[in-house]
Amino acid sequence: MLSLPELQARIAATLFGDAAAPPPGCIRSDGIAAELRLGIYRNNLEEGFAKTLALEFPVMQRLVGEDYFRQLALSFLAGHPSRSGDLHQVGAPFASFLREQFADTA
C-alpha cells in the first residue's frame, strides 16, 4: 500500500499525464471507475488552466482563436504545470513559452 504522500504524487503524475493510474484499490470506484474519476479531474485541470490563461491573455486568444489558444494552453501546461494552488501566477512564463514556440517562424 502506498503512503499518503506517494499516493498524492502518483495521482498528480497521473493528472499531468506522466504516469499510469495509482494501483487498484487506492481510489474507490463507488459507481464510477477509478480511471474515469481521474479523467474527470484531468479534464477539470486542463479546462481550468486553459480558461485561466485565456483570462490573462485575452488579446492573444482573440488573435489566434479559441481552439488554437486551447492547444497552446495545453502544450504550455504539459511543459509548465502550476506548482501552486494560486492561479494568479499561472501565466507568468507564458510569454517566454510563446517566444520559444514561435522562434523559428519569425
C-alpha atoms as a PDB file:
ATOM      1  CA  MET A   1       0.000   0.000   0.000  1.00  0.00           C
ATOM      2  CA  LEU A   2       1.260   3.451  -0.872  1.00  0.00           C
ATOM      3  CA  SER A   3       1.818   6.084   1.776  1.00  0.00           C
ATOM      4  CA  LEU A   4      -0.342   9.211   1.508  1.00  0.00           C
ATOM      5  CA  PRO A   5       2.484  11.352   0.016  1.00  0.00           C
ATOM      6  CA  GLU A   6       3.272   8.590  -2.501  1.00  0.00           C
ATOM      7  CA  LEU A   7      -0.402   8.284  -3.456  1.00  0.00           C
ATOM      8  CA  GLN A   8      -0.723  12.057  -3.844  1.00  0.00           C
ATOM      9  CA  ALA A   9       2.385  12.144  -6.036  1.00  0.00           C
ATOM     10  CA  ARG A  10       1.044   9.297  -8.206  1.00  0.00           C
ATOM     11  CA  ILE A  11      -2.327  10.999  -8.595  1.00  0.00           C
ATOM     12  CA  ALA A  12      -0.655  14.288  -9.537  1.00  0.00           C
ATOM     13  CA  ALA A  13       1.591  12.495 -12.039  1.00  0.00           C
ATOM     14  CA  THR A  14      -1.464  10.774 -13.500  1.00  0.00           C
ATOM     15  CA  LEU A  15      -3.338  14.051 -13.846  1.00  0.00           C
ATOM     16  CA  PHE A  16      -0.410  15.598 -15.710  1.00  0.00           C
ATOM     17  CA  GLY A  17      -0.068  12.513 -17.917  1.00  0.00           C
ATOM     18  CA  ASP A  18       3.305  11.487 -16.505  1.00  0.00           C
ATOM     19  CA  ALA A  19       2.311   8.128 -15.039  1.00  0.00           C
ATOM     20  CA  ALA A  20      -0.234   5.373 -15.012  1.00  0.00           C
ATOM     21  CA  ALA A  21      -3.125   5.486 -12.576  1.00  0.00           C
ATOM     22  CA  PRO A  22      -2.448   4.553  -8.951  1.00  0.00           C
ATOM     23  CA  PRO A  23      -2.800   0.862  -8.129  1.00  0.00           C
ATOM     24  CA  PRO A  24      -6.313  -0.593  -7.976  1.00  0.00           C
ATOM     25  CA  GLY A  25      -7.975  -0.117  -4.622  1.00  0.00           C
ATOM     26  CA  CYS A  26      -6.360   3.252  -3.927  1.00  0.00           C
ATOM     27  CA  ILE A  27      -9.284   5.124  -5.464  1.00  0.00           C
ATOM     28  CA  ARG A  28     -12.782   3.960  -4.665  1.00  0.00           C
ATOM     29  CA  SER A  29     -14.980   3.295  -7.681  1.00  0.00           C
ATOM     30  CA  ASP A  30     -18.318   3.986  -5.994  1.00  0.00           C
ATOM     31  CA  GLY A  31     -20.183   3.612  -9.283  1.00  0.00           C
ATOM     32  CA  ILE A  32     -17.540   5.288 -11.471  1.00  0.00           C
ATOM     33  CA  ALA A  33     -14.321   3.504 -12.416  1.00  0.00           C
ATOM     34  CA  ALA A  34     -11.143   4.990 -10.932  1.00  0.00           C
ATOM     35  CA  GLU A  35      -9.747   5.778 -14.410  1.00  0.00           C
ATOM     36  CA  LEU A  36     -12.908   7.734 -15.262  1.00  0.00           C
ATOM     37  CA  ARG A  37     -12.764   9.610 -11.964  1.00  0.00           C
ATOM     38  CA  LEU A  38      -9.178  10.627 -12.677  1.00  0.00           C
ATOM     39  CA  GLY A  39     -10.231  11.589 -16.205  1.00  0.00           C
ATOM     40  CA  ILE A  40     -12.784  13.996 -14.744  1.00  0.00           C
ATOM     41  CA  TYR A  41     -10.107  15.625 -12.596  1.00  0.00           C
ATOM     42  CA  ARG A  42      -7.692  15.766 -15.561  1.00  0.00           C
ATOM     43  CA  ASN A  43     -10.343  17.438 -17.713  1.00  0.00           C
ATOM     44  CA  ASN A  44     -11.134  19.970 -14.967  1.00  0.00           C
ATOM     45  CA  LEU A  45      -7.422  20.673 -14.529  1.00  0.00           C
ATOM     46  CA  GLU A  46      -6.909  21.247 -18.256  1.00  0.00           C
ATOM     47  CA  GLU A  47     -10.027  23.356 -18.743  1.00  0.00           C
ATOM     48  CA  GLY A  48      -9.371  25.464 -15.660  1.00  0.00           C
ATOM     49  CA  PHE A  49      -5.794  26.045 -16.774  1.00  0.00           C
ATOM     50  CA  ALA A  50      -6.821  26.993 -20.325  1.00  0.00           C
ATOM     51  CA  LYS A  51      -9.544  29.341 -19.076  1.00  0.00           C
ATOM     52  CA  THR A  52      -7.159  30.974 -16.620  1.00  0.00           C
ATOM     53  CA  LEU A  53      -4.653  31.642 -19.401  1.00  0.00           C
ATOM     54  CA  ALA A  54      -7.445  32.992 -21.603  1.00  0.00           C
ATOM     55  CA  LEU A  55      -8.383  35.441 -18.841  1.00  0.00           C
ATOM     56  CA  GLU A  56      -4.756  36.527 -18.507  1.00  0.00           C
ATOM     57  CA  PHE A  57      -4.125  36.745 -22.263  1.00  0.00           C
ATOM     58  CA  PRO A  58      -7.456  37.694 -23.886  1.00  0.00           C
ATOM     59  CA  VAL A  59      -5.851  39.513 -26.828  1.00  0.00           C
ATOM     60  CA  MET A  60      -3.695  36.504 -27.656  1.00  0.00           C
ATOM     61  CA  GLN A  61      -6.757  34.272 -27.569  1.00  0.00           C
ATOM     62  CA  ARG A  62      -8.635  36.598 -29.931  1.00  0.00           C
ATOM     63  CA  LEU A  63      -5.671  36.767 -32.301  1.00  0.00           C
ATOM     64  CA  VAL A  64      -5.210  33.007 -32.661  1.00  0.00           C
ATOM     65  CA  GLY A  65      -8.766  31.822 -31.976  1.00  0.00           C
ATOM     66  CA  GLU A  66     -10.193  29.796 -29.104  1.00  0.00           C
ATOM     67  CA  ASP A  67      -9.336  26.348 -30.461  1.00  0.00           C
ATOM     68  CA  TYR A  68      -5.699  27.119 -31.220  1.00  0.00           C
ATOM     69  CA  PHE A  69      -5.306  29.005 -27.949  1.00  0.00           C
ATOM     70  CA  ARG A  70      -6.585  25.943 -26.082  1.00  0.00           C
ATOM     71  CA  GLN A  71      -3.986  23.799 -27.873  1.00  0.00           C
ATOM     72  CA  LEU A  72      -1.277  26.291 -26.897  1.00  0.00           C
ATOM     73  CA  ALA A  73      -2.534  26.316 -23.305  1.00  0.00           C
ATOM     74  CA  LEU A  74      -2.433  22.515 -23.045  1.00  0.00           C
ATOM     75  CA  SER A  75       1.024  22.421 -24.589  1.00  0.00           C
ATOM     76  CA  PHE A  76       2.119  25.083 -22.107  1.00  0.00           C
ATOM     77  CA  LEU A  77       0.554  23.108 -19.248  1.00  0.00           C
ATOM     78  CA  ALA A  78       2.499  19.992 -20.261  1.00  0.00           C
ATOM     79  CA  GLY A  79       5.795  21.851 -20.017  1.00  0.00           C
ATOM     80  CA  HIS A  80       4.942  24.316 -17.246  1.00  0.00           C
ATOM     81  CA  PRO A  81       2.490  22.725 -14.800  1.00  0.00           C
ATOM     82  CA  SER A  82       1.484  25.030 -11.997  1.00  0.00           C
ATOM     83  CA  ARG A  83       3.039  24.086  -8.686  1.00  0.00           C
ATOM     84  CA  SER A  84       0.750  26.411  -6.771  1.00  0.00           C
ATOM     85  CA  GLY A  85      -2.914  26.496  -5.913  1.00  0.00           C
ATOM     86  CA  ASP A  86      -2.852  30.212  -6.731  1.00  0.00           C
ATOM     87  CA  LEU A  87      -3.969  30.709 -10.327  1.00  0.00           C
ATOM     88  CA  HIS A  88      -2.758  34.315 -10.410  1.00  0.00           C
ATOM     89  CA  GLN A  89       0.772  33.244 -11.376  1.00  0.00           C
ATOM     90  CA  VAL A  90      -0.112  30.505 -13.864  1.00  0.00           C
ATOM     91  CA  GLY A  91       0.673  32.594 -16.931  1.00  0.00           C
ATOM     92  CA  ALA A  92       3.916  34.173 -15.716  1.00  0.00           C
ATOM     93  CA  PRO A  93       6.147  32.069 -18.045  1.00  0.00           C
ATOM     94  CA  PHE A  94       3.625  32.047 -20.931  1.00  0.00           C
ATOM     95  CA  ALA A  95       5.280  34.865 -22.925  1.00  0.00           C
ATOM     96  CA  SER A  96       8.633  33.045 -22.799  1.00  0.00           C
ATOM     97  CA  PHE A  97       6.909  29.837 -23.854  1.00  0.00           C
ATOM     98  CA  LEU A  98       5.356  31.608 -26.845  1.00  0.00           C
ATOM     99  CA  ARG A  99       8.718  33.120 -27.859  1.00  0.00           C
ATOM    100  CA  GLU A 100      10.306  29.665 -27.774  1.00  0.00           C
ATOM    101  CA  GLN A 101       7.331  28.118 -29.568  1.00  0.00           C
ATOM    102  CA  PHE A 102       7.412  30.590 -32.446  1.00  0.00           C
ATOM    103  CA  ALA A 103      11.128  31.464 -32.597  1.00  0.00           C
ATOM    104  CA  ASP A 104      11.591  29.567 -35.873  1.00  0.00           C
ATOM    105  CA  THR A 105       8.578  31.141 -37.553  1.00  0.00           C
ATOM    106  CA  ALA A 106       9.693  34.757 -37.093  1.00  0.00           C
END
